[in-house]
Each structure stands twice: as structure tokens, then as C-alpha cells.
Amino acid sequence: MITLASALRTPVSNTGLIPQNQFICSIDTLTLVFRNVGSASGAIAIKGLFEDVLGEHIEFDVNCPTFMMRRWSGCSSSSLLGTMLHWLAPNEDRPGMLRVHLPGRALRGADRGELRDLIQVLWGVFSGSCTRLDAAADDYDKVTNLEDIARAQTDRNYTGVRSHRWAGSGSLGEEDGLTYYFGAASSDSQLRIYDKAIESSGKQDCIRWELQVRRGKAEALCKKWLCADIREDSEIASILSGAIAGAVDFIDRSKGQKDLSRCSRLPWWEGIKKRLARAFRLRPPMRVPTMESKISWICRAVSPSLATIKKYMGLSQFWQFIEDEITESESVLSSRNKAIVAEAIAIDRERERDREKAVSRVGIGISVDSGGLCCDSC
């Protein structure tokens, strides 16, 4: 949850943004992965930068064995506000990776501008991406009736997702409260609706609409947040609530229309949508062929076959075979593949320039070296 300390036109609470729609909007979970961290010292330096911005101490050991994330080689054992780091040491097949999980408690006390500047710099320098983002809209006026949600599930009066379910809220039983889910847990998008007062033991008396997005959709929403005007609270709130409102549409299927676009929205949902920002559907970034994707495909799909051929031919004959095949293929290289090569070279040069500009703009005293990241304080 991101607290704003300088809002004059828009009210602010310690739970997040209050746009004109009267829903309090916040980021409740943010998970980032940096995929080109060259060394453990670079991972430790990144940890220090997040500590400075978040104002918390993170116990981090690059050799600490993990439990749930078994393939990772190190993790944070504890932190004041729940921030978790996981480190994956580099090997001959891939560079080192660092996963940073930021819960609402950690985000709440951070300076929004400093946090976004830090993420943008590290994103560009270390090929970062967002793998999960949870956006929340809290209905303190209780205009949301959970019985309407339950009836919509029973009658399948919704569209936008393929499945639904309900379950006890956290450790609570059915008699205490339910959480209504739209979308599978393994999908890129899942909407959860529940009574936050029950889930939080009375600490927050509201109905929560919580959208969890992962992979490409998380990256798309995170980029919208990073690019928003940090001075306009309502803009950021509209981005979060708009994503929530666009995750599912509650419609009346009682007339049996096959064309769902002709179905009218349920009246109660129309009322809630008026309090939320303009809804939009999250679209993952379009995946176009790149040099990285071609190299990844070779490593994944072709390398086993090449190893088999090498074992059969022997080293010298194998390399002669490879050279002959590549020379022949180069002569008929398509214009599309030539363009991919030219674009990859241009992107490499542009990234180098962007890294220098980003570090200079933020002015947080970091520099990139072959080992990863160096802080002036190191």
C-alpha cells in the first residue's frame, strides 16, 4: 500500500489513495525480478538501496538455503516490514538473478518518488521485470453487497474470466466469512472479493476488491504505475481501480443471449463501476522475436540435438559440419532475421546509454561494473 504524504486536492489515509470514486486504492504486493545481476556483491548492494528507500533492515544471506523456492541459492531470513529477497547465483547457462518481494507494509512507509526512481534505474540496468502485482480497492462505504457477488457466481452472471470459486477467508471458516475468486490461481489475472474486517480481525472495516496479476499483465500494470505522474494522486488511483474494474464484468445472462456483448450489466455492478475509475483490460506486452528469444530457443530446443550430433561425429567433424551449415544459411538469411540482428545491436547500444542517463538522473550514487552494482558507500 502506497501512502501519499503531499496530496492537497485528494484526501489521503494511511491505507492508500482516495480518488474521487470514494474507493481507497493501493498496491498491496509488488514482486520484481532482476535478471542480469552479475555477482553476489551486486545483489547485496541492491539490497542496501532498497533498505535506504524502504527504511528497514533486511537480513540477507546469499548462501542461505531456501524452502519453497528450492532452485534459488540464497534468501533473506527476516526483515522489519516483510520484504523478502531471493538470490540465484549465475552459472554458465544464465546470469545471476535477484527476486525482490515488497509487501504492503513495506510499501506503505516508502517515499513514492524515491521508490519508483530506484525501480526504474534498476529495471534498466539489470533487465528487470514485474512478475506479480496485487492492486486493492477498499470499499469503506460498503456499497458492495457480498450476497450479490455470491448470486452472480451461482448464476454465472459474469464474463472476462473462465472460472470462479469461493473459500473461507484465510483461516476462517464458512460461518465467519468467504472470499470470492474470479479466475484461476495459476492464471495471469485473479480477482478476489472479501470482507476485510473479518480477514484483518477488525483492523480494516471495508469490503476489499483485490486484483492479482502475474507475468505479462503484472509487467503491463507496473509500467503504467511507473509512468504515471507522481504528483497526481487521482491518476495513480485511476490506474489501479481501472485495472480492477476491467478484470471482470457482471452481466445478466437470464435472457439466454449467446452474444454476451448484448447482455446488460447487473444494476448493482453499474453502481459500483461509477465509483471506480474507467475500466480497462490489461494486455500483456506483445512478444516479438528478439535475439534473446532465439538464443533461448537454441539452448532449450536445439542444444540436445547438437550434443548428440557432436557425440556421433567427433569434435573436428562436428565443427566443420556447423561451419558449413551456418555459411549456407547466412547466404539465404531472411530480411526479417537481418532486421532482428540490426535491432539487437541497436538495443544493446541504447541500453548502455540509458543506463548512464538513468543513474545520472536519479543521483543515488551507483555505478555499474563487471561484478554487478557498486554503491559509493561500499
Protein backbone atom coordinates (compact mmCIF):
# COMPACT_ATOMS: atom_id res chain seq x y z
CA MET A 1 0.00 0.00 0.00
CA ILE A 2 1.50 3.29 -1.03
CA THR A 3 0.88 6.26 1.22
CA LEU A 4 0.96 9.73 -0.27
CA ALA A 5 2.15 12.49 2.01
CA SER A 6 1.62 15.55 -0.16
CA ALA A 7 -1.92 15.30 -1.52
CA LEU A 8 -3.80 18.59 -1.33
CA ARG A 9 -6.67 18.03 -3.74
CA THR A 10 -7.22 14.36 -2.89
CA PRO A 11 -7.73 13.05 0.67
CA VAL A 12 -5.17 10.59 1.92
CA SER A 13 -5.24 7.92 4.59
CA ASN A 14 -2.58 5.56 5.86
CA THR A 15 -4.10 2.79 3.73
CA GLY A 16 -3.55 4.32 0.30
CA LEU A 17 -5.04 6.63 -2.29
CA ILE A 18 -8.57 8.00 -2.09
CA PRO A 19 -9.65 9.08 -5.57
CA GLN A 20 -12.91 10.88 -6.31
CA ASN A 21 -14.58 7.48 -6.69
CA GLN A 22 -14.51 7.02 -2.87
CA PHE A 23 -12.65 3.73 -3.06
CA ILE A 24 -9.25 3.69 -1.36
CA CYS A 25 -6.77 2.24 -3.84
CA SER A 26 -3.34 0.82 -3.14
CA ILE A 27 -0.63 -1.57 -4.28
CA ASP A 28 -0.69 -4.41 -1.78
CA THR A 29 2.05 -6.63 -3.22
CA LEU A 30 4.85 -5.96 -5.69
CA THR A 31 7.33 -8.62 -6.83
CA LEU A 32 10.26 -7.68 -9.06
CA VAL A 33 12.91 -9.86 -10.69
CA PHE A 34 16.25 -8.51 -11.90
CA ARG A 35 17.70 -10.97 -14.42
CA ASN A 36 21.21 -9.71 -15.03
CA VAL A 37 22.86 -9.33 -11.62
CA GLY A 38 26.43 -10.42 -12.21
CA SER A 39 27.57 -11.24 -8.68
CA ALA A 40 26.52 -11.76 -5.08
CA SER A 41 28.09 -8.41 -4.16
CA GLY A 42 25.79 -6.77 -6.71
CA ALA A 43 22.77 -8.43 -5.09
CA ILE A 44 23.88 -7.21 -1.66
CA ALA A 45 24.31 -3.68 -2.99
CA ILE A 46 20.79 -3.72 -4.45
CA LYS A 47 19.53 -4.92 -1.06
CA GLY A 48 21.19 -1.90 0.55
CA LEU A 49 19.49 0.51 -1.87
CA PHE A 50 16.06 -0.93 -1.06
CA GLU A 51 16.84 -0.71 2.66
CA ASP A 52 17.58 3.01 2.28
CA VAL A 53 14.35 3.74 0.40
CA LEU A 54 12.08 1.49 2.49
CA GLY A 55 13.65 2.39 5.82
CA GLU A 56 14.05 -1.19 7.02
CA HIS A 57 16.83 -3.63 7.74
CA ILE A 58 16.83 -6.86 5.71
CA GLU A 59 18.81 -9.88 6.91
CA PHE A 60 20.14 -11.32 3.66
CA ASP A 61 22.45 -14.29 3.07
CA VAL A 62 23.37 -15.25 -0.50
CA ASN A 63 24.17 -18.78 0.73
CA CYS A 64 21.05 -19.29 2.81
CA PRO A 65 19.10 -22.36 1.58
CA THR A 66 15.50 -21.68 0.59
CA PHE A 67 12.45 -23.80 1.26
CA MET A 68 9.66 -23.04 -1.21
CA MET A 69 11.94 -21.65 -3.93
CA ARG A 70 14.35 -24.58 -3.94
CA ARG A 71 16.34 -23.70 -7.03
CA TRP A 72 17.35 -20.34 -5.57
CA SER A 73 20.63 -20.31 -3.67
CA GLY A 74 20.05 -17.53 -1.13
CA CYS A 75 17.31 -15.55 0.60
CA SER A 76 16.54 -13.05 3.34
CA SER A 77 15.82 -14.70 6.67
CA SER A 78 13.97 -11.76 8.24
CA SER A 79 13.11 -8.10 7.75
CA LEU A 80 11.28 -5.47 9.73
CA LEU A 81 8.42 -4.96 7.27
CA GLY A 82 8.34 -8.28 5.47
CA THR A 83 10.46 -7.53 2.39
CA MET A 84 11.93 -10.75 1.01
CA LEU A 85 14.90 -11.21 -1.34
CA HIS A 86 15.89 -14.37 -3.17
CA TRP A 87 19.23 -14.75 -4.95
CA LEU A 88 20.02 -17.13 -7.80
CA ALA A 89 23.74 -17.41 -8.44
CA PRO A 90 24.91 -17.20 -12.07
CA ASN A 91 26.11 -20.23 -13.97
CA GLU A 92 27.32 -20.97 -17.49
CA ASP A 93 23.76 -21.02 -18.86
CA ARG A 94 22.38 -17.77 -17.40
CA PRO A 95 23.34 -14.67 -15.44
CA GLY A 96 22.57 -14.17 -11.77
CA MET A 97 19.04 -13.18 -10.74
CA LEU A 98 17.58 -11.33 -7.76
CA ARG A 99 13.91 -11.51 -6.74
CA VAL A 100 12.55 -8.68 -4.55
CA HIS A 101 9.14 -9.18 -2.92
CA LEU A 102 7.64 -5.97 -1.48
CA PRO A 103 4.52 -6.40 0.70
CA GLY A 104 2.07 -3.65 1.56
CA ARG A 105 3.67 -2.98 4.94
CA ALA A 106 6.99 -2.18 3.28
CA LEU A 107 5.46 -0.04 0.52
CA ARG A 108 3.36 1.95 2.97
CA GLY A 109 6.28 3.84 4.52
CA ALA A 110 8.35 4.40 1.38
CA ASP A 111 8.66 7.71 -0.39
CA ARG A 112 6.78 7.07 -3.61
CA GLY A 113 9.07 9.13 -5.84
CA GLU A 114 12.28 7.63 -4.46
CA LEU A 115 10.92 4.10 -4.72
CA ARG A 116 9.81 4.48 -8.32
CA ASP A 117 13.06 6.15 -9.33
CA LEU A 118 15.04 3.30 -7.78
CA ILE A 119 12.93 0.65 -9.51
CA GLN A 120 13.23 2.39 -12.87
CA VAL A 121 17.02 2.61 -12.62
CA LEU A 122 17.45 -1.00 -11.51
CA TRP A 123 14.90 -2.12 -14.11
CA GLY A 124 17.01 -0.65 -16.91
CA VAL A 125 20.42 -1.60 -15.55
CA PHE A 126 19.61 -5.20 -14.62
CA SER A 127 16.92 -6.18 -17.16
CA GLY A 128 14.17 -6.11 -14.54
CA SER A 129 10.53 -7.04 -14.79
CA CYS A 130 7.49 -7.25 -12.53
CA THR A 131 6.27 -10.82 -12.02
CA ARG A 132 3.38 -10.09 -9.63
CA LEU A 133 1.34 -7.06 -8.59
CA ASP A 134 -1.69 -7.01 -6.30
CA ALA A 135 -3.90 -3.92 -6.63
CA ALA A 136 -6.56 -3.28 -3.99
CA ALA A 137 -9.67 -1.07 -3.89
CA ASP A 138 -11.21 -0.82 -0.43
CA ASP A 139 -14.93 -0.06 -0.17
CA TYR A 140 -15.37 1.59 3.23
CA ASP A 141 -18.90 2.78 2.35
CA LYS A 142 -19.96 -0.88 1.98
CA VAL A 143 -21.79 -0.31 -1.31
CA THR A 144 -20.61 -3.81 -2.23
CA ASN A 145 -23.04 -6.49 -1.13
CA LEU A 146 -21.29 -9.86 -0.94
CA GLU A 147 -24.63 -11.61 -1.42
CA ASP A 148 -24.77 -10.03 -4.90
CA ILE A 149 -21.31 -11.45 -5.61
CA ALA A 150 -22.36 -14.91 -4.43
CA ARG A 151 -25.51 -14.82 -6.58
CA ALA A 152 -23.51 -13.74 -9.62
CA GLN A 153 -21.24 -16.77 -9.15
CA THR A 154 -24.16 -19.15 -8.74
CA ASP A 155 -25.92 -17.84 -11.87
CA ARG A 156 -22.61 -17.43 -13.77
CA ASN A 157 -23.56 -13.81 -14.40
CA TYR A 158 -20.04 -12.70 -15.20
CA THR A 159 -17.61 -12.57 -18.10
CA GLY A 160 -13.91 -11.85 -18.52
CA VAL A 161 -12.66 -14.93 -16.65
CA ARG A 162 -13.30 -18.64 -17.16
CA SER A 163 -13.77 -19.89 -13.63
CA HIS A 164 -14.87 -18.95 -10.14
CA ARG A 165 -14.80 -20.41 -6.65
CA TRP A 166 -15.27 -19.37 -3.05
CA ALA A 167 -13.44 -20.32 0.12
CA GLY A 168 -13.14 -19.36 3.76
CA SER A 169 -11.29 -16.07 4.24
CA GLY A 170 -7.79 -17.09 5.25
CA SER A 171 -8.01 -19.36 8.29
CA LEU A 172 -11.66 -18.50 8.80
CA GLY A 173 -14.45 -21.00 8.37
CA GLU A 174 -17.51 -20.67 6.15
CA GLU A 175 -19.60 -19.38 9.04
CA ASP A 176 -17.18 -16.46 9.57
CA GLY A 177 -16.65 -15.15 6.06
CA LEU A 178 -15.95 -16.08 2.46
CA THR A 179 -13.56 -14.93 -0.20
CA TYR A 180 -14.98 -14.94 -3.75
CA TYR A 181 -12.47 -15.71 -6.50
CA PHE A 182 -12.82 -14.98 -10.21
CA GLY A 183 -10.09 -16.56 -12.32
CA ALA A 184 -7.78 -19.46 -11.57
CA ALA A 185 -4.89 -19.08 -9.14
CA SER A 186 -2.45 -20.14 -11.87
CA SER A 187 -3.76 -17.64 -14.43
CA ASP A 188 -2.33 -14.22 -15.24
CA SER A 189 -5.27 -12.49 -13.53
CA GLN A 190 -7.41 -13.32 -10.49
CA LEU A 191 -9.94 -11.08 -8.73
CA ARG A 192 -10.68 -11.65 -5.05
CA ILE A 193 -13.58 -10.01 -3.16
CA TYR A 194 -13.94 -10.39 0.60
CA ASP A 195 -14.79 -8.70 3.89
CA LYS A 196 -11.51 -7.16 5.01
CA ALA A 197 -12.82 -6.61 8.54
CA ILE A 198 -13.10 -10.37 9.05
CA GLU A 199 -9.77 -11.11 7.36
CA SER A 200 -7.95 -8.42 9.38
CA SER A 201 -9.71 -9.12 12.70
CA GLY A 202 -11.44 -5.74 12.62
CA LYS A 203 -8.41 -3.59 11.79
CA GLN A 204 -9.85 -2.53 8.40
CA ASP A 205 -13.64 -2.33 8.17
CA CYS A 206 -14.25 -2.48 4.43
CA ILE A 207 -15.04 -4.75 1.51
CA ARG A 208 -11.87 -5.36 -0.48
CA TRP A 209 -11.64 -5.81 -4.24
CA GLU A 210 -8.18 -7.26 -4.84
CA LEU A 211 -6.73 -7.97 -8.26
CA GLN A 212 -3.67 -10.22 -8.53
CA VAL A 213 -1.87 -10.06 -11.88
CA ARG A 214 1.21 -12.02 -12.83
CA ARG A 215 3.76 -12.33 -15.63
CA GLY A 216 2.96 -10.14 -18.67
CA LYS A 217 -0.09 -8.47 -17.13
CA ALA A 218 1.87 -7.62 -13.98
CA GLU A 219 4.57 -6.05 -16.13
CA ALA A 220 1.97 -4.02 -18.07
CA LEU A 221 0.31 -2.68 -14.90
CA CYS A 222 3.65 -1.95 -13.22
CA LYS A 223 4.79 0.07 -16.24
CA LYS A 224 1.55 2.09 -16.10
CA TRP A 225 2.28 2.83 -12.43
CA LEU A 226 5.91 3.72 -13.11
CA CYS A 227 4.95 6.07 -15.95
CA ALA A 228 2.14 7.84 -14.08
CA ASP A 229 2.56 11.41 -12.87
CA ILE A 230 3.68 11.05 -9.24
CA ARG A 231 2.12 14.44 -8.44
CA GLU A 232 -1.37 13.32 -9.46
CA ASP A 233 -2.80 11.02 -6.83
CA SER A 234 -6.03 10.56 -8.79
CA GLU A 235 -4.11 9.37 -11.86
CA ILE A 236 -2.42 6.54 -9.98
CA ALA A 237 -5.65 5.64 -8.17
CA SER A 238 -7.47 5.52 -11.51
CA ILE A 239 -4.85 3.17 -12.96
CA LEU A 240 -5.26 0.73 -10.07
CA SER A 241 -9.05 0.89 -9.77
CA GLY A 242 -9.44 0.82 -13.57
CA ALA A 243 -7.49 -2.42 -13.75
CA ILE A 244 -9.69 -3.90 -11.01
CA ALA A 245 -12.91 -2.77 -12.68
CA GLY A 246 -11.75 -4.22 -16.00
CA ALA A 247 -10.86 -7.64 -14.63
CA VAL A 248 -14.43 -8.98 -14.72
CA ASP A 249 -17.82 -7.76 -15.94
CA PHE A 250 -21.03 -8.72 -14.14
CA ILE A 251 -23.82 -9.21 -16.68
CA ASP A 252 -27.38 -10.53 -16.79
CA ARG A 253 -27.45 -13.85 -18.68
CA SER A 254 -31.07 -14.65 -17.75
CA LYS A 255 -32.37 -13.99 -21.29
CA GLY A 256 -30.04 -16.63 -22.74
CA GLN A 257 -28.31 -14.36 -25.25
CA LYS A 258 -25.35 -16.00 -26.96
CA ASP A 259 -23.72 -12.67 -27.77
CA LEU A 260 -22.56 -11.59 -24.31
CA SER A 261 -21.87 -8.06 -25.51
CA ARG A 262 -25.64 -7.62 -25.81
CA CYS A 263 -26.25 -8.60 -22.18
CA SER A 264 -27.00 -5.71 -19.83
CA ARG A 265 -24.85 -5.17 -16.75
CA LEU A 266 -26.30 -6.05 -13.38
CA PRO A 267 -27.67 -2.88 -11.69
CA TRP A 268 -25.55 -3.24 -8.56
CA TRP A 269 -22.42 -3.55 -10.69
CA GLU A 270 -23.29 -0.38 -12.60
CA GLY A 271 -23.40 1.43 -9.27
CA ILE A 272 -20.00 0.14 -8.21
CA LYS A 273 -18.43 0.93 -11.58
CA LYS A 274 -19.47 4.56 -11.18
CA ARG A 275 -17.31 4.70 -8.05
CA LEU A 276 -14.36 3.07 -9.76
CA ALA A 277 -12.27 4.69 -12.46
CA ARG A 278 -12.71 3.99 -16.16
CA ALA A 279 -12.22 0.26 -16.56
CA PHE A 280 -9.62 -1.18 -18.93
CA ARG A 281 -8.41 -4.65 -19.80
CA LEU A 282 -4.77 -5.35 -19.09
CA ARG A 283 -2.91 -6.51 -22.18
CA PRO A 284 0.46 -8.24 -21.74
CA PRO A 285 3.31 -6.71 -23.76
CA MET A 286 3.40 -8.13 -27.27
CA ARG A 287 6.14 -10.72 -27.55
CA VAL A 288 8.04 -10.18 -30.79
CA PRO A 289 11.01 -12.28 -31.93
CA THR A 290 14.25 -10.98 -30.44
CA MET A 291 17.84 -12.11 -30.38
CA GLU A 292 17.37 -13.19 -26.75
CA SER A 293 14.36 -15.35 -27.63
CA LYS A 294 16.25 -17.01 -30.50
CA ILE A 295 19.25 -17.78 -28.28
CA SER A 296 16.93 -19.09 -25.56
CA TRP A 297 15.18 -21.35 -28.07
CA ILE A 298 18.51 -22.71 -29.32
CA CYS A 299 19.60 -23.51 -25.75
CA ARG A 300 16.27 -25.12 -24.91
CA ALA A 301 15.31 -26.98 -28.08
CA VAL A 302 18.39 -27.42 -30.29
CA SER A 303 21.32 -27.93 -27.90
CA PRO A 304 20.39 -31.55 -27.01
CA SER A 305 20.32 -32.47 -30.72
CA LEU A 306 23.63 -30.70 -31.36
CA ALA A 307 25.22 -32.55 -28.44
CA THR A 308 24.01 -35.84 -29.93
CA ILE A 309 25.46 -34.98 -33.35
CA LYS A 310 28.77 -33.96 -31.78
CA LYS A 311 28.99 -37.26 -29.91
CA TYR A 312 28.38 -39.13 -33.15
CA MET A 313 30.70 -37.12 -35.46
CA GLY A 314 33.54 -36.28 -33.14
CA LEU A 315 34.79 -32.77 -32.37
CA SER A 316 36.59 -31.80 -35.59
CA GLN A 317 33.97 -33.19 -37.97
CA PHE A 318 31.19 -31.64 -35.87
CA TRP A 319 32.62 -28.11 -36.05
CA GLN A 320 33.16 -28.49 -39.79
CA PHE A 321 29.51 -29.52 -40.10
CA ILE A 322 28.38 -26.48 -38.06
CA GLU A 323 30.52 -24.08 -40.11
CA ASP A 324 29.22 -25.45 -43.43
CA GLU A 325 25.59 -25.29 -42.32
CA ILE A 326 25.87 -21.75 -40.94
CA THR A 327 27.72 -20.47 -44.04
CA GLU A 328 24.98 -21.86 -46.25
CA SER A 329 22.21 -20.40 -44.06
CA GLU A 330 23.84 -16.95 -43.97
CA SER A 331 23.58 -16.67 -47.76
CA VAL A 332 19.79 -17.04 -47.59
CA LEU A 333 19.19 -15.12 -44.34
CA SER A 334 15.73 -13.53 -44.49
CA SER A 335 15.23 -9.80 -44.25
CA ARG A 336 13.27 -10.39 -41.02
CA ASN A 337 16.22 -12.10 -39.35
CA LYS A 338 18.61 -9.44 -40.61
CA ALA A 339 16.33 -6.83 -39.03
CA ILE A 340 16.37 -8.74 -35.72
CA VAL A 341 20.19 -8.71 -35.72
CA ALA A 342 20.34 -4.99 -36.51
CA GLU A 343 17.72 -4.23 -33.84
CA ALA A 344 19.59 -6.28 -31.22
CA ILE A 345 22.81 -4.36 -31.86
CA ALA A 346 20.96 -1.03 -31.68
CA ILE A 347 19.18 -2.05 -28.44
CA ASP A 348 22.47 -3.03 -26.81
CA ARG A 349 23.91 0.39 -27.60
CA GLU A 350 20.76 2.19 -26.44
CA ARG A 351 20.67 0.25 -23.17
CA GLU A 352 24.21 1.31 -22.45
CA ARG A 353 23.26 4.96 -22.98
CA ASP A 354 20.05 4.60 -20.93
CA ARG A 355 21.95 3.09 -18.00
CA GLU A 356 24.27 6.06 -17.85
CA LYS A 357 21.37 8.54 -18.15
CA ALA A 358 19.23 6.77 -15.54
CA VAL A 359 21.97 6.58 -12.94
CA SER A 360 22.85 10.22 -13.56
CA ARG A 361 19.21 11.33 -13.35
CA VAL A 362 18.40 9.57 -10.11
CA GLY A 363 21.67 10.55 -8.50
CA ILE A 364 21.69 7.73 -5.96
CA GLY A 365 25.41 7.20 -6.26
CA ILE A 366 25.57 3.89 -8.08
CA SER A 367 27.70 2.69 -10.91
CA VAL A 368 27.73 -0.47 -12.98
CA ASP A 369 30.80 -2.67 -13.22
CA SER A 370 31.55 -6.22 -14.30
CA GLY A 371 30.57 -7.51 -10.87
CA GLY A 372 27.07 -6.03 -10.95
CA LEU A 373 26.41 -2.93 -8.88
CA CYS A 374 28.68 -0.70 -6.82
CA CYS A 375 27.49 1.79 -4.22
CA ASP A 376 29.53 4.83 -3.29
CA SER A 377 29.19 3.66 0.29
CA CYS A 378 30.58 0.18 -0.45
